[in-house]
Amino acid sequence: MSIRIAVIDDQALMRDAFTMILDAQPDFDVVGDADNGRTGVELCRRSRPDVAVMDIRMPEMDGIEATRLIVDDPDIDTKVLVLTTFDLDDYVFAALRAGASGFLLKDAPANELVAAARLVAGGEALLAPTVTRRLIEEFAKQAVPAEAKIELPDDLTEREHEAWVLLAQGMSNREIAAAMFVGEATAKTHVSRLLTKLGVRDRVQAVVLAYESGVVTPSSP
C-alpha cells in the first residue's frame, strides 16, 4: 500500500518542490497540500494521511499548534515530520513536545527527505544530529521543578530502564545492543516494550519524558 502524505508549508515553491520529490516515489501518494497550519489540520482530518510534512513558521496557525492538534486527535493517525530552515530554531523543542515524530532541515538532500518520510510512516522517530544535540542542551538549561511529579510505570524491568537511559543519550538500537551486551533484536524488543509501557508514540517522546521526569539528566554518563 502507498504511504499517504500531506505537505503543509506557506511557501508555494517549497510545497511544489516537496510534492514533486515525494510524489515521484512509487510507494508515496501525496494526498494534498495546505498553506498554513489551520488548513493543514483540516486536510489531515479529511484525507487521513500517514505522514504530514510540516513547516513550523506559518500564518494563521503555526506548525507547532497544528502538530499538537493532529497528534491529539484520536481520529487521526498521522505522524508529523517537521521541516524548517534553521537547525537552531527556538520552535524545534516546542514542536517535539507537541508530538512531532521527526525533524529535518529543509536544505537536506531529496533522498534524506524520502528516507525520513518512510521512517516516520513506519513508526520510527527521526532527529537530525544537530537537533539531538540542541535537544540535550535545552534540557541542560532547564532544572526539573521539584514540584513536577510525572507518573512513571512501576513495571519497567531493569533492562528496560537501562535501555531507556541509553536511548535518551541518543543511541540507536545497534548502539544500545552493544552497550547492553545483547543482540540487536533483543535491544529492539526492550525499546519496543519500553515505549508501550511509557505510553509514548515514539523514541523522541521517550527521550523528552526521560529528561522531564529526571530519569536522565544532561550530565548522565
Protein backbone atom coordinates (compact mmCIF):
# COMPACT_ATOMS: atom_id res chain seq x y z
CA MET A 1 0.00 0.00 0.00
CA SER A 2 1.12 3.56 -0.71
CA ILE A 3 2.29 5.87 2.05
CA ARG A 4 -0.14 8.79 2.04
CA ILE A 5 1.47 12.18 2.58
CA ALA A 6 0.23 15.73 3.16
CA VAL A 7 2.52 18.71 2.55
CA ILE A 8 1.95 21.77 4.77
CA ASP A 9 4.04 24.88 4.07
CA ASP A 10 3.18 28.53 3.50
CA GLN A 11 5.65 28.89 0.60
CA ALA A 12 4.23 27.69 -2.71
CA LEU A 13 7.71 26.95 -4.07
CA MET A 14 8.51 24.67 -1.12
CA ARG A 15 5.14 22.91 -1.35
CA ASP A 16 5.67 22.25 -5.06
CA ALA A 17 9.24 21.02 -4.50
CA PHE A 18 8.30 18.66 -1.66
CA THR A 19 5.29 17.36 -3.58
CA MET A 20 7.37 16.70 -6.70
CA ILE A 21 10.08 14.87 -4.73
CA LEU A 22 7.70 12.75 -2.68
CA ASP A 23 5.13 12.03 -5.36
CA ALA A 24 7.88 10.72 -7.64
CA GLN A 25 8.35 7.75 -5.30
CA PRO A 26 6.43 4.62 -6.35
CA ASP A 27 5.30 3.93 -2.78
CA PHE A 28 4.23 7.52 -1.98
CA ASP A 29 0.93 9.26 -2.67
CA VAL A 30 0.71 12.99 -1.88
CA VAL A 31 -2.96 13.42 -1.00
CA GLY A 32 -2.91 17.21 -0.83
CA ASP A 33 -1.17 20.34 0.40
CA ALA A 34 -2.01 23.32 2.60
CA ASP A 35 -0.53 26.80 3.02
CA ASN A 36 -1.00 27.20 6.79
CA GLY A 37 -1.45 25.14 9.91
CA ARG A 38 -5.21 25.57 10.15
CA THR A 39 -5.94 24.29 6.65
CA GLY A 40 -3.25 21.66 7.23
CA VAL A 41 -5.16 20.24 10.19
CA GLU A 42 -8.35 20.26 8.13
CA LEU A 43 -6.53 18.43 5.33
CA CYS A 44 -5.32 15.75 7.74
CA ARG A 45 -8.79 15.30 9.22
CA ARG A 46 -10.25 14.99 5.75
CA SER A 47 -7.62 12.88 3.99
CA ARG A 48 -6.07 10.94 6.91
CA PRO A 49 -2.50 10.86 5.55
CA ASP A 50 0.12 8.62 7.12
CA VAL A 51 2.62 11.47 7.30
CA ALA A 52 2.28 15.25 7.37
CA VAL A 53 5.37 17.13 6.20
CA MET A 54 5.04 20.25 8.34
CA ASP A 55 6.66 23.68 8.22
CA ILE A 56 6.94 25.49 11.58
CA ARG A 57 6.57 29.17 10.79
CA MET A 58 3.25 29.77 9.02
CA PRO A 59 0.46 32.36 9.16
CA GLU A 60 -2.93 31.84 10.87
CA MET A 61 -1.67 28.78 12.76
CA ASP A 62 1.95 27.73 13.11
CA GLY A 63 3.28 24.20 12.74
CA ILE A 64 3.54 23.67 16.49
CA GLU A 65 -0.15 24.17 17.19
CA ALA A 66 -1.07 22.25 14.04
CA THR A 67 1.13 19.34 15.15
CA ARG A 68 -0.48 19.36 18.59
CA LEU A 69 -4.00 19.28 17.14
CA ILE A 70 -3.14 16.48 14.71
CA VAL A 71 -1.37 14.32 17.31
CA ASP A 72 -4.07 14.85 19.95
CA ASP A 73 -6.95 13.98 17.60
CA PRO A 74 -7.93 10.35 18.29
CA ASP A 75 -9.47 10.07 14.83
CA ILE A 76 -6.21 10.93 13.05
CA ASP A 77 -3.29 8.51 12.96
CA THR A 78 -0.96 10.90 11.17
CA LYS A 79 2.73 11.19 12.05
CA VAL A 80 4.28 14.64 11.72
CA LEU A 81 7.66 15.24 10.09
CA VAL A 82 8.76 18.80 10.79
CA LEU A 83 10.87 20.62 8.20
CA THR A 84 12.39 24.03 8.82
CA THR A 85 15.19 26.25 7.58
CA PHE A 86 17.04 26.62 10.86
CA ASP A 87 18.56 23.85 12.97
CA LEU A 88 18.77 26.34 15.85
CA ASP A 89 15.11 27.28 15.56
CA ASP A 90 13.68 28.04 19.02
CA TYR A 91 10.48 26.34 17.94
CA VAL A 92 12.05 22.93 17.39
CA PHE A 93 11.87 21.91 21.03
CA ALA A 94 8.23 23.01 21.22
CA ALA A 95 7.40 21.02 18.08
CA LEU A 96 8.87 17.87 19.60
CA ARG A 97 6.89 18.45 22.79
CA ALA A 98 3.78 18.84 20.66
CA GLY A 99 4.27 15.32 19.33
CA ALA A 100 6.32 15.61 16.15
CA SER A 101 7.89 12.28 15.20
CA GLY A 102 10.77 13.70 13.25
CA PHE A 103 12.70 16.81 12.35
CA LEU A 104 14.70 17.56 9.22
CA LEU A 105 16.26 20.67 7.74
CA LYS A 106 14.73 21.98 4.53
CA ASP A 107 18.13 22.00 2.84
CA ALA A 108 18.58 18.25 3.38
CA PRO A 109 19.09 16.27 0.15
CA ALA A 110 15.98 14.89 -1.53
CA ASN A 111 16.95 11.30 -0.70
CA GLU A 112 17.08 12.19 3.01
CA LEU A 113 13.57 13.66 2.84
CA VAL A 114 12.29 10.48 1.19
CA ALA A 115 14.05 8.26 3.75
CA ALA A 116 12.74 10.41 6.62
CA ALA A 117 9.14 10.13 5.39
CA ARG A 118 9.45 6.35 5.16
CA LEU A 119 10.97 6.11 8.65
CA VAL A 120 8.29 8.25 10.24
CA ALA A 121 5.50 6.42 8.39
CA GLY A 122 6.89 3.16 9.76
CA GLY A 123 6.61 4.39 13.33
CA GLU A 124 10.25 5.34 13.78
CA ALA A 125 11.46 8.70 15.02
CA LEU A 126 13.98 10.89 13.28
CA LEU A 127 16.16 13.70 14.56
CA ALA A 128 18.94 15.40 12.66
CA PRO A 129 22.20 15.07 14.67
CA THR A 130 22.36 18.82 15.27
CA VAL A 131 18.83 18.72 16.68
CA THR A 132 19.69 15.86 19.05
CA ARG A 133 22.48 18.00 20.47
CA ARG A 134 20.19 21.02 20.75
CA LEU A 135 17.54 18.93 22.48
CA ILE A 136 20.00 17.83 25.17
CA GLU A 137 21.33 21.39 25.50
CA GLU A 138 17.77 22.61 26.00
CA PHE A 139 17.24 20.16 28.84
CA ALA A 140 20.58 21.22 30.32
CA LYS A 141 19.18 24.74 30.72
CA GLN A 142 16.06 23.54 32.46
CA ALA A 143 16.16 22.21 36.00
CA VAL A 144 13.37 19.73 36.68
CA PRO A 145 11.00 21.57 39.08
CA ALA A 146 10.84 19.95 42.50
CA GLU A 147 7.06 20.03 42.38
CA ALA A 148 6.96 18.32 39.00
CA LYS A 149 5.55 14.86 39.52
CA ILE A 150 5.46 12.74 36.41
CA GLU A 151 3.89 9.36 36.96
CA LEU A 152 6.02 6.58 35.52
CA PRO A 153 5.09 2.91 35.11
CA ASP A 154 6.23 0.74 38.02
CA ASP A 155 6.61 -2.40 35.92
CA LEU A 156 9.71 -1.38 33.97
CA THR A 157 12.36 -4.08 34.16
CA GLU A 158 15.96 -3.22 35.00
CA ARG A 159 16.95 -3.88 31.38
CA GLU A 160 14.15 -1.71 30.01
CA HIS A 161 15.22 1.11 32.31
CA GLU A 162 18.80 0.69 31.13
CA ALA A 163 17.64 0.81 27.51
CA TRP A 164 15.67 3.99 28.27
CA VAL A 165 18.74 5.76 29.66
CA LEU A 166 20.82 4.76 26.63
CA LEU A 167 18.04 5.76 24.22
CA ALA A 168 17.81 9.16 25.93
CA GLN A 169 21.51 9.66 25.24
CA GLY A 170 20.76 9.42 21.53
CA MET A 171 21.83 5.83 20.91
CA SER A 172 20.46 3.70 18.08
CA ASN A 173 19.23 0.15 18.66
CA ARG A 174 22.60 -1.17 17.48
CA GLU A 175 24.47 1.07 19.91
CA ILE A 176 22.10 0.15 22.74
CA ALA A 177 22.70 -3.53 21.99
CA ALA A 178 26.47 -3.04 22.15
CA ALA A 179 26.26 -1.12 25.41
CA MET A 180 24.00 -3.77 26.98
CA PHE A 181 25.98 -6.71 25.55
CA VAL A 182 22.89 -8.18 23.86
CA GLY A 183 21.83 -8.81 20.28
CA GLU A 184 20.25 -6.01 18.26
CA ALA A 185 16.93 -7.88 18.12
CA THR A 186 16.89 -8.10 21.92
CA ALA A 187 17.65 -4.40 22.25
CA LYS A 188 14.85 -3.61 19.82
CA THR A 189 12.47 -5.71 21.94
CA HIS A 190 13.50 -3.84 25.09
CA VAL A 191 12.89 -0.49 23.37
CA SER A 192 9.54 -1.60 21.93
CA ARG A 193 8.28 -2.78 25.31
CA LEU A 194 9.60 0.38 26.92
CA LEU A 195 7.65 2.63 24.53
CA THR A 196 4.49 0.62 25.16
CA LYS A 197 4.83 0.81 28.94
CA LEU A 198 5.60 4.53 28.85
CA GLY A 199 2.59 5.12 26.61
CA VAL A 200 4.59 7.26 24.17
CA ARG A 201 4.31 7.37 20.40
CA ASP A 202 7.98 7.01 19.55
CA ARG A 203 11.59 7.36 20.62
CA VAL A 204 11.54 11.16 20.52
CA GLN A 205 8.75 11.32 23.08
CA ALA A 206 10.58 8.76 25.23
CA VAL A 207 13.66 11.00 25.23
CA VAL A 208 11.61 14.04 26.22
CA LEU A 209 9.93 12.09 29.04
CA ALA A 210 13.26 10.73 30.30
CA TYR A 211 14.63 14.24 30.80
CA GLU A 212 11.42 15.84 32.03
CA SER A 213 10.93 13.15 34.67
CA GLY A 214 14.53 13.36 35.86
CA VAL A 215 15.26 9.73 34.93
CA VAL A 216 18.13 11.13 32.87
CA THR A 217 19.98 14.41 33.25
CA PRO A 218 22.24 16.12 30.72
CA SER A 219 25.23 15.21 32.89
CA SER A 220 24.39 11.48 32.92
CA PRO A 221 27.34 9.37 31.74
